[in-house]
Structure formats: structure tokens, C-alpha cells
Amino acid sequence: MLDRVYCVLNYWDGIVSGVAGYRGEKYYFERIFDDLKDDWSDEYNLTYLNDDIFLLELENWRYWRLWKTRWSKDEIPKIPHPLEYKKLRETTSYEEIVKNCENKSEKIWRLTEQNYQNDLIIDRYLKEREPSLKLKGVFIRENIEGNKTKIKWSSL
């Protein structure tokens, strides 16, 4: 049976992490790196996501896709890349960022800050939980967009 990939969170020569279904539930998955082969394995750690965390992941996925669309089409106003904003927020308050930026669109900055706050909640959730499953996975129609990607899970 093929399960839906809801979002791709990290992509490096293939999907590294994201959110997918498994047996009717939603899971964060992360590919396991094989140190002996010095390459990614076909094994994944899966961590169960409750409905609230799953919805935050989808919100953040929409933000990333908006950023990617605006970036690739060179649209104005630009929105900050999620990782760049996260690094900036480690040393600068939201108020200070908005005050000193060229782009004064309040809507964009609220959206960017919400994405950052969602990330903090998701990160804390994942750090507080051990992966609940370890499975092999094969992606079908793999792409960074994840919108048509499926995965076939199997036992180790």
C-alpha cells in the first residue's frame, strides 16, 4: 500500500525528512544515514504526530511553498527563507527586525513570525519524543514539492 507524503522538510539528493501517513496516522519521518556506506540508507525513524502538530507542519509547508514560489518568480515583496529568519531571530527580536527592514509589509512579517513560532513548537514536540517506528521506505514520484509523492513503507 502506498501512503501519502504530506510535506518534504529536508531534501538532499533525495527526501531526507518530512511528514507522511502510515496505517492511517501521520508521522514525522527522518532518513537514517549509513556511516559505513557514507550514504543515506532506505531506513527511516518515524515519530507519531498528533493533530495539532500535524496542522502546524502543514502551515509551515504552505509558508515554504509561498517562499519558493516568490523566490523562483522573483516576486515582490520577498519573504524571508524560514532558516534565514530562524537564525536572525536567535539574536534579534521580532519588533527590531520589522523596524529595521526594507519590506514594511506587516502581513508578511506576521506570517514569517508565525512560521518561526510554529517551528519552535514542532521542534520541542519532536525533541520530547523518541521515534516510535523504524521502517524501510521507497518513494514513488519523488519530488521536492512532495505534492504527488507517495511512499511504500515496509518492515525491516
Protein backbone atom coordinates (compact mmCIF):
# COMPACT_ATOMS: atom_id res chain seq x y z
CA MET A 1 0.00 0.00 0.00
CA LEU A 2 1.22 3.49 -0.81
CA ASP A 3 0.98 6.24 1.78
CA ARG A 4 0.76 9.96 1.12
CA VAL A 5 3.71 12.27 1.72
CA TYR A 6 2.16 15.46 3.10
CA CYS A 7 5.29 17.59 3.06
CA VAL A 8 9.02 17.39 2.42
CA LEU A 9 11.03 19.16 5.11
CA ASN A 10 14.57 18.33 4.05
CA TYR A 11 15.83 17.29 0.63
CA TRP A 12 19.45 16.42 -0.14
CA ASP A 13 19.96 14.13 -3.14
CA GLY A 14 16.55 12.75 -2.22
CA ILE A 15 13.99 13.20 0.51
CA VAL A 16 15.61 13.21 3.97
CA SER A 17 12.71 14.18 6.21
CA GLY A 18 9.07 15.14 6.07
CA VAL A 19 5.57 14.15 7.11
CA ALA A 20 3.78 11.10 5.73
CA GLY A 21 0.97 8.75 6.53
CA TYR A 22 1.36 5.23 7.84
CA ARG A 23 -1.60 2.98 8.65
CA GLY A 24 -3.98 5.92 8.84
CA GLU A 25 -1.84 8.05 11.17
CA LYS A 26 0.53 10.97 10.49
CA TYR A 27 4.24 10.68 11.22
CA TYR A 28 7.33 12.82 11.00
CA PHE A 29 9.94 10.70 9.23
CA GLU A 30 13.70 11.10 9.09
CA ARG A 31 16.03 9.11 6.88
CA ILE A 32 18.86 7.25 8.62
CA PHE A 33 22.39 7.88 7.41
CA ASP A 34 24.57 4.78 6.96
CA ASP A 35 28.04 5.72 8.20
CA LEU A 36 29.63 2.56 6.77
CA LYS A 37 28.36 3.29 3.25
CA ASP A 38 28.75 7.05 3.76
CA ASP A 39 25.31 7.47 2.19
CA TRP A 40 21.64 7.59 3.08
CA SER A 41 20.00 4.24 3.81
CA ASP A 42 16.47 3.26 2.85
CA GLU A 43 15.53 3.17 6.56
CA TYR A 44 13.56 5.82 8.42
CA ASN A 45 12.74 6.70 12.00
CA LEU A 46 9.09 7.68 12.37
CA THR A 47 7.66 9.82 15.16
CA TYR A 48 3.88 9.99 15.64
CA LEU A 49 2.34 13.46 15.18
CA ASN A 50 -0.81 14.49 16.99
CA ASP A 51 -3.38 16.52 15.02
CA ASP A 52 -2.20 19.91 16.36
CA ILE A 53 1.44 19.33 15.40
CA PHE A 54 0.42 17.91 12.03
CA LEU A 55 -1.58 21.07 11.26
CA LEU A 56 1.39 23.26 12.27
CA GLU A 57 3.60 21.26 9.89
CA LEU A 58 1.11 21.85 7.06
CA GLU A 59 1.02 25.59 7.87
CA ASN A 60 4.79 25.75 7.71
CA TRP A 61 4.77 23.75 4.47
CA ARG A 62 2.44 26.34 2.90
CA TYR A 63 4.82 29.10 4.03
CA TRP A 64 7.81 27.31 2.47
CA ARG A 65 5.94 26.80 -0.80
CA LEU A 66 4.97 30.51 -0.82
CA TRP A 67 8.63 31.43 -0.23
CA LYS A 68 9.76 29.08 -3.04
CA THR A 69 7.16 30.43 -5.48
CA ARG A 70 8.06 34.06 -4.78
CA TRP A 71 11.77 33.31 -4.93
CA SER A 72 11.59 31.38 -8.22
CA LYS A 73 9.37 34.01 -9.87
CA ASP A 74 11.37 36.89 -8.37
CA GLU A 75 8.14 38.30 -6.94
CA ILE A 76 8.00 41.35 -4.73
CA PRO A 77 7.56 41.62 -1.83
CA LYS A 78 10.05 38.94 -0.95
CA ILE A 79 9.52 36.88 2.16
CA PRO A 80 12.38 35.57 4.32
CA HIS A 81 13.55 31.99 3.92
CA PRO A 82 12.49 30.06 7.06
CA LEU A 83 16.06 29.10 8.06
CA GLU A 84 17.45 32.60 7.50
CA TYR A 85 14.68 34.08 9.63
CA LYS A 86 15.23 31.45 12.34
CA LYS A 87 18.93 32.39 12.54
CA LEU A 88 18.06 36.08 12.65
CA ARG A 89 15.51 35.54 15.45
CA GLU A 90 18.14 33.84 17.60
CA THR A 91 19.77 37.25 18.12
CA THR A 92 17.10 39.81 17.20
CA SER A 93 13.57 40.46 18.42
CA TYR A 94 10.63 40.43 16.04
CA GLU A 95 9.99 44.12 16.72
CA GLU A 96 13.60 45.03 15.92
CA ILE A 97 13.53 43.06 12.65
CA VAL A 98 10.35 44.76 11.44
CA LYS A 99 11.62 48.21 12.44
CA ASN A 100 14.88 47.82 10.51
CA CYS A 101 13.71 46.02 7.36
CA GLU A 102 13.14 47.47 3.92
CA ASN A 103 9.97 45.47 3.38
CA LYS A 104 7.32 47.05 5.61
CA SER A 105 4.52 44.60 4.79
CA GLU A 106 3.04 43.80 8.20
CA LYS A 107 1.18 40.78 6.79
CA ILE A 108 4.39 39.16 5.53
CA TRP A 109 6.22 39.71 8.81
CA ARG A 110 3.32 38.32 10.86
CA LEU A 111 3.24 35.26 8.59
CA THR A 112 7.01 34.83 8.88
CA GLU A 113 6.93 35.15 12.65
CA GLN A 114 4.05 32.65 12.89
CA ASN A 115 6.08 30.18 10.83
CA TYR A 116 9.00 30.67 13.24
CA GLN A 117 6.80 30.18 16.32
CA ASN A 118 5.31 27.02 14.75
CA ASP A 119 8.84 25.70 14.22
CA LEU A 120 9.67 26.22 17.89
CA ILE A 121 6.60 24.22 18.94
CA ILE A 122 7.28 21.44 16.42
CA ASP A 123 10.97 21.21 17.37
CA ARG A 124 10.10 20.95 21.07
CA TYR A 125 7.48 18.26 20.34
CA LEU A 126 9.97 16.15 18.35
CA LYS A 127 12.77 16.56 20.91
CA GLU A 128 10.48 15.36 23.69
CA ARG A 129 9.61 12.12 21.86
CA GLU A 130 11.61 9.15 20.70
CA PRO A 131 10.77 7.78 17.24
CA SER A 132 8.07 5.16 17.65
CA LEU A 133 8.81 3.15 14.49
CA LYS A 134 11.73 2.21 12.26
CA LEU A 135 10.75 1.21 8.73
CA LYS A 136 12.12 0.88 5.22
CA GLY A 137 10.69 3.31 2.72
CA VAL A 138 10.64 3.69 -1.04
CA PHE A 139 9.35 6.91 -2.58
CA ILE A 140 7.14 6.89 -5.66
CA ARG A 141 7.08 10.05 -7.85
CA GLU A 142 9.63 11.62 -5.54
CA ASN A 143 9.99 15.39 -5.80
CA ILE A 144 10.89 18.25 -3.53
CA GLU A 145 7.35 19.64 -3.80
CA GLY A 146 6.01 16.46 -2.25
CA ASN A 147 2.55 17.17 -3.64
CA LYS A 148 2.37 13.96 -5.72
CA THR A 149 4.88 11.92 -3.79
CA LYS A 150 3.86 8.62 -2.21
CA ILE A 151 5.87 6.24 -0.05
CA LYS A 152 5.75 2.50 0.35
CA TRP A 153 6.66 1.50 3.91
CA SER A 154 7.81 -1.98 4.83
CA SER A 155 9.19 -3.70 7.94
CA LEU A 156 12.94 -4.04 8.41
